[in-house]
Amino acid sequence: MYIPQPKNTDGVVLPPQLLALTEQIAENVHEHWAAARLAEGWVYGEHRDDVRKVTPCLVPYAALPEVEKEYDRRTAMETLKLIVAMGYTIEKA
């Protein structure tokens, strides 16, 4: 049985400049997700139907419900925290 073991990033505090990236990364995560779904033949529809490949989330990030945006934000935040926890730094060029 598979037991997920993500790196513990609970103690990582992101500096303000990285916190500001969270929303931009979250939007990009959604864009990649949407592009992949479209390439797989998914279409927009008001109600999700995995068999028919219909989802209400094939909309621009700004139009997503907050619960969906929050999922993308958590992905972005955990990615940034992992990068910092691994000893890397991110600097704007």
C-alpha atoms as a PDB file:
ATOM      1  CA  MET A   1       0.000   0.000   0.000  1.00  0.00           C
ATOM      2  CA  TYR A   2       1.233   3.451  -0.940  1.00  0.00           C
ATOM      3  CA  ILE A   3       1.763   5.904   1.928  1.00  0.00           C
ATOM      4  CA  PRO A   4       2.481   9.477   0.791  1.00  0.00           C
ATOM      5  CA  GLN A   5       5.497  11.046   2.494  1.00  0.00           C
ATOM      6  CA  PRO A   6       5.722  14.682   1.423  1.00  0.00           C
ATOM      7  CA  LYS A   7       8.606  16.754   2.729  1.00  0.00           C
ATOM      8  CA  ASN A   8       7.613  18.594   5.883  1.00  0.00           C
ATOM      9  CA  THR A   9       7.514  22.297   5.101  1.00  0.00           C
ATOM     10  CA  ASP A  10       5.553  23.372   8.185  1.00  0.00           C
ATOM     11  CA  GLY A  11       8.475  25.400   9.550  1.00  0.00           C
ATOM     12  CA  VAL A  12       9.239  27.219   6.303  1.00  0.00           C
ATOM     13  CA  VAL A  13       8.361  30.900   6.351  1.00  0.00           C
ATOM     14  CA  LEU A  14       8.383  32.451   2.917  1.00  0.00           C
ATOM     15  CA  PRO A  15       9.726  35.981   2.531  1.00  0.00           C
ATOM     16  CA  PRO A  16       7.196  38.552   1.264  1.00  0.00           C
ATOM     17  CA  GLN A  17       8.632  38.611  -2.254  1.00  0.00           C
ATOM     18  CA  LEU A  18       7.957  34.884  -2.621  1.00  0.00           C
ATOM     19  CA  LEU A  19       4.505  35.133  -1.086  1.00  0.00           C
ATOM     20  CA  ALA A  20       3.672  37.596  -3.843  1.00  0.00           C
ATOM     21  CA  LEU A  21       4.442  34.898  -6.431  1.00  0.00           C
ATOM     22  CA  THR A  22       1.843  32.507  -5.059  1.00  0.00           C
ATOM     23  CA  GLU A  23      -1.111  33.881  -7.022  1.00  0.00           C
ATOM     24  CA  GLN A  24       0.865  34.081 -10.267  1.00  0.00           C
ATOM     25  CA  ILE A  25       2.047  30.493  -9.894  1.00  0.00           C
ATOM     26  CA  ALA A  26      -1.462  29.351  -8.957  1.00  0.00           C
ATOM     27  CA  GLU A  27      -2.845  30.916 -12.125  1.00  0.00           C
ATOM     28  CA  ASN A  28      -0.130  29.259 -14.204  1.00  0.00           C
ATOM     29  CA  VAL A  29      -0.851  25.891 -12.559  1.00  0.00           C
ATOM     30  CA  HIS A  30      -4.484  26.264 -13.624  1.00  0.00           C
ATOM     31  CA  GLU A  31      -3.470  27.229 -17.166  1.00  0.00           C
ATOM     32  CA  HIS A  32      -1.332  24.082 -17.478  1.00  0.00           C
ATOM     33  CA  TRP A  33      -4.103  21.936 -16.017  1.00  0.00           C
ATOM     34  CA  ALA A  34      -6.668  23.411 -18.413  1.00  0.00           C
ATOM     35  CA  ALA A  35      -4.401  22.998 -21.446  1.00  0.00           C
ATOM     36  CA  ALA A  36      -3.814  19.349 -20.549  1.00  0.00           C
ATOM     37  CA  ARG A  37      -7.547  18.691 -20.089  1.00  0.00           C
ATOM     38  CA  LEU A  38      -8.361  20.320 -23.430  1.00  0.00           C
ATOM     39  CA  ALA A  39      -5.661  18.222 -25.133  1.00  0.00           C
ATOM     40  CA  GLU A  40      -7.281  15.128 -23.602  1.00  0.00           C
ATOM     41  CA  GLY A  41     -10.644  16.061 -25.098  1.00  0.00           C
ATOM     42  CA  TRP A  42     -12.307  17.584 -22.036  1.00  0.00           C
ATOM     43  CA  VAL A  43     -14.887  20.345 -22.586  1.00  0.00           C
ATOM     44  CA  TYR A  44     -16.586  22.965 -20.464  1.00  0.00           C
ATOM     45  CA  GLY A  45     -19.924  22.091 -18.888  1.00  0.00           C
ATOM     46  CA  GLU A  46     -21.821  23.233 -15.817  1.00  0.00           C
ATOM     47  CA  HIS A  47     -21.564  19.838 -14.100  1.00  0.00           C
ATOM     48  CA  ARG A  48     -18.538  17.565 -13.916  1.00  0.00           C
ATOM     49  CA  ASP A  49     -18.879  14.264 -15.755  1.00  0.00           C
ATOM     50  CA  ASP A  50     -15.677  12.209 -15.907  1.00  0.00           C
ATOM     51  CA  VAL A  51     -17.122   9.737 -18.404  1.00  0.00           C
ATOM     52  CA  ARG A  52     -18.112  12.455 -20.876  1.00  0.00           C
ATOM     53  CA  LYS A  53     -15.009  14.543 -20.004  1.00  0.00           C
ATOM     54  CA  VAL A  54     -16.978  17.597 -18.955  1.00  0.00           C
ATOM     55  CA  THR A  55     -15.861  20.013 -16.239  1.00  0.00           C
ATOM     56  CA  PRO A  56     -16.973  23.436 -15.045  1.00  0.00           C
ATOM     57  CA  CYS A  57     -13.334  24.363 -14.331  1.00  0.00           C
ATOM     58  CA  LEU A  58     -12.376  24.986 -17.961  1.00  0.00           C
ATOM     59  CA  VAL A  59     -12.605  28.726 -17.448  1.00  0.00           C
ATOM     60  CA  PRO A  60      -9.996  31.454 -16.908  1.00  0.00           C
ATOM     61  CA  TYR A  61      -8.445  31.415 -13.438  1.00  0.00           C
ATOM     62  CA  ALA A  62     -10.246  34.631 -12.476  1.00  0.00           C
ATOM     63  CA  ALA A  63     -13.593  32.916 -13.109  1.00  0.00           C
ATOM     64  CA  LEU A  64     -12.853  29.854 -10.970  1.00  0.00           C
ATOM     65  CA  PRO A  65     -14.740  29.379  -7.716  1.00  0.00           C
ATOM     66  CA  GLU A  66     -12.622  30.268  -4.662  1.00  0.00           C
ATOM     67  CA  VAL A  67     -12.405  26.602  -3.595  1.00  0.00           C
ATOM     68  CA  GLU A  68     -10.693  25.745  -6.904  1.00  0.00           C
ATOM     69  CA  LYS A  69      -8.375  28.758  -6.706  1.00  0.00           C
ATOM     70  CA  GLU A  70      -7.421  27.710  -3.176  1.00  0.00           C
ATOM     71  CA  TYR A  71      -6.379  24.264  -4.437  1.00  0.00           C
ATOM     72  CA  ASP A  72      -4.045  25.915  -6.971  1.00  0.00           C
ATOM     73  CA  ARG A  73      -2.746  28.332  -4.324  1.00  0.00           C
ATOM     74  CA  ARG A  74      -1.888  25.462  -1.964  1.00  0.00           C
ATOM     75  CA  THR A  75      -0.003  23.750  -4.792  1.00  0.00           C
ATOM     76  CA  ALA A  76       1.933  26.949  -5.501  1.00  0.00           C
ATOM     77  CA  MET A  77       2.640  27.639  -1.830  1.00  0.00           C
ATOM     78  CA  GLU A  78       3.850  24.114  -1.106  1.00  0.00           C
ATOM     79  CA  THR A  79       6.091  24.201  -4.180  1.00  0.00           C
ATOM     80  CA  LEU A  80       7.679  27.470  -3.061  1.00  0.00           C
ATOM     81  CA  LYS A  81       8.088  26.183   0.499  1.00  0.00           C
ATOM     82  CA  LEU A  82       9.720  22.984  -0.766  1.00  0.00           C
ATOM     83  CA  ILE A  83      12.191  24.949  -2.884  1.00  0.00           C
ATOM     84  CA  VAL A  84      13.191  27.002   0.172  1.00  0.00           C
ATOM     85  CA  ALA A  85      13.301  23.933   2.442  1.00  0.00           C
ATOM     86  CA  MET A  86      15.703  22.275   0.002  1.00  0.00           C
ATOM     87  CA  GLY A  87      18.112  25.195   0.363  1.00  0.00           C
ATOM     88  CA  TYR A  88      17.398  27.035  -2.870  1.00  0.00           C
ATOM     89  CA  THR A  89      16.747  30.721  -3.221  1.00  0.00           C
ATOM     90  CA  ILE A  90      14.624  32.512  -5.775  1.00  0.00           C
ATOM     91  CA  GLU A  91      15.606  35.966  -6.925  1.00  0.00           C
ATOM     92  CA  LYS A  92      13.954  38.221  -9.459  1.00  0.00           C
ATOM     93  CA  ALA A  93      16.267  38.980 -12.359  1.00  0.00           C
END
